[in-house]
Each structure stands twice: as C-alpha cells, then as structure tokens.
C-alpha cells in the first residue's frame, strides 16, 4: 500500500505513492484514464466511482469511494 503521510503532490509521479493507493486501486484508476496523481486534481470521487463501475460493467465495492476521496 502507498505511503500514509501526505505526499508533495507536485513531486509524486506514481499513483501508488498517494495515501491508501496500492496496486489494485492504481489499476482501477488507470482503467478510467487516471494514470498520474496530477490527474486527480479537481476530480469528484463519486464521478470516478461511477466511471469505474461503467468501465468494469458492474457495481464496485462502495468503499472504493472512500479510497478515491483520500487520494484526491
């Protein structure tokens, strides 16, 4: 899992370096076009969640919303 301290978001280049982001969530984010931490700026976690559900074709565990909130 990623680091638990708040990273300097201007210098972080990997999604996994964000709090609570491991390989699985990073892969989910990449599925919906978020391949860099900077692309999370200004995003709505609920919209990201909905996009992920559409992309995978079924409802994803809603706890993913919390992870997206922490990452943003």
Protein backbone atom coordinates (compact mmCIF):
# COMPACT_ATOMS: atom_id res chain seq x y z
CA UNK A 1 0.00 0.00 0.00
CA UNK A 2 1.12 3.59 -0.56
CA UNK A 3 2.60 5.93 1.99
CA UNK A 4 0.50 7.04 4.96
CA UNK A 5 1.87 10.59 5.13
CA UNK A 6 0.66 13.32 2.81
CA UNK A 7 2.97 13.49 -0.19
CA UNK A 8 4.03 16.62 -2.00
CA UNK A 9 1.57 16.19 -4.86
CA UNK A 10 3.73 18.26 -7.20
CA UNK A 11 6.60 15.80 -6.95
CA UNK A 12 4.72 12.49 -6.78
CA UNK A 13 4.79 10.64 -10.08
CA UNK A 14 3.20 7.30 -9.18
CA UNK A 15 -0.37 6.70 -8.05
CA UNK A 16 0.95 4.17 -5.52
CA UNK A 17 2.81 6.98 -3.74
CA UNK A 18 -0.52 8.51 -2.67
CA UNK A 19 -2.11 7.57 0.66
CA UNK A 20 -4.21 4.37 0.54
CA UNK A 21 -3.35 3.62 -3.09
CA UNK A 22 -1.98 0.17 -3.78
CA UNK A 23 -1.57 -1.76 -7.00
CA UNK A 24 -5.25 -2.69 -7.27
CA UNK A 25 -6.67 0.82 -6.85
CA UNK A 26 -3.94 2.23 -9.09
CA UNK A 27 -5.03 -0.26 -11.75
CA UNK A 28 -8.66 0.79 -11.27
CA UNK A 29 -7.74 4.44 -11.68
CA UNK A 30 -5.75 3.68 -14.81
CA UNK A 31 -8.79 1.88 -16.26
CA UNK A 32 -10.68 5.19 -16.12
CA UNK A 33 -7.86 7.30 -17.52
CA UNK A 34 -6.13 8.46 -14.34
CA UNK A 35 -2.53 7.38 -14.82
CA UNK A 36 -0.78 10.11 -12.84
CA UNK A 37 -1.51 11.69 -9.42
CA UNK A 38 -1.79 15.11 -11.03
CA UNK A 39 -4.83 13.92 -12.98
CA UNK A 40 -6.76 13.56 -9.71
CA UNK A 41 -6.73 17.31 -9.07
CA UNK A 42 -10.25 18.70 -9.09
CA UNK A 43 -11.86 15.30 -9.69
CA UNK A 44 -15.06 14.21 -7.99
CA UNK A 45 -14.62 10.86 -6.22
CA UNK A 46 -18.26 9.90 -6.83
CA UNK A 47 -17.87 10.52 -10.57
CA UNK A 48 -14.67 8.48 -10.62
CA UNK A 49 -16.50 5.66 -8.85
CA UNK A 50 -19.37 5.74 -11.36
CA UNK A 51 -16.89 5.76 -14.25
CA UNK A 52 -15.15 2.72 -12.78
CA UNK A 53 -18.44 0.85 -12.38
CA UNK A 54 -19.33 1.58 -16.02
CA UNK A 55 -15.86 0.56 -17.20
CA UNK A 56 -15.85 -2.81 -15.41
CA UNK A 57 -19.52 -3.48 -16.17
CA UNK A 58 -20.79 -3.93 -12.62
CA UNK A 59 -21.04 -2.21 -9.26
CA UNK A 60 -17.71 -1.97 -7.47
CA UNK A 61 -17.48 -2.14 -3.68
CA UNK A 62 -18.57 1.33 -2.50
CA UNK A 63 -15.62 1.54 -0.09
CA UNK A 64 -13.62 2.45 -3.21
CA UNK A 65 -15.28 5.89 -2.97
CA UNK A 66 -13.51 6.43 0.37
CA UNK A 67 -10.19 5.48 -1.19
CA UNK A 68 -10.80 7.90 -4.07
CA UNK A 69 -11.69 10.63 -1.55
CA UNK A 70 -8.44 10.06 0.34
CA UNK A 71 -6.42 10.12 -2.87
CA UNK A 72 -7.97 13.36 -4.08
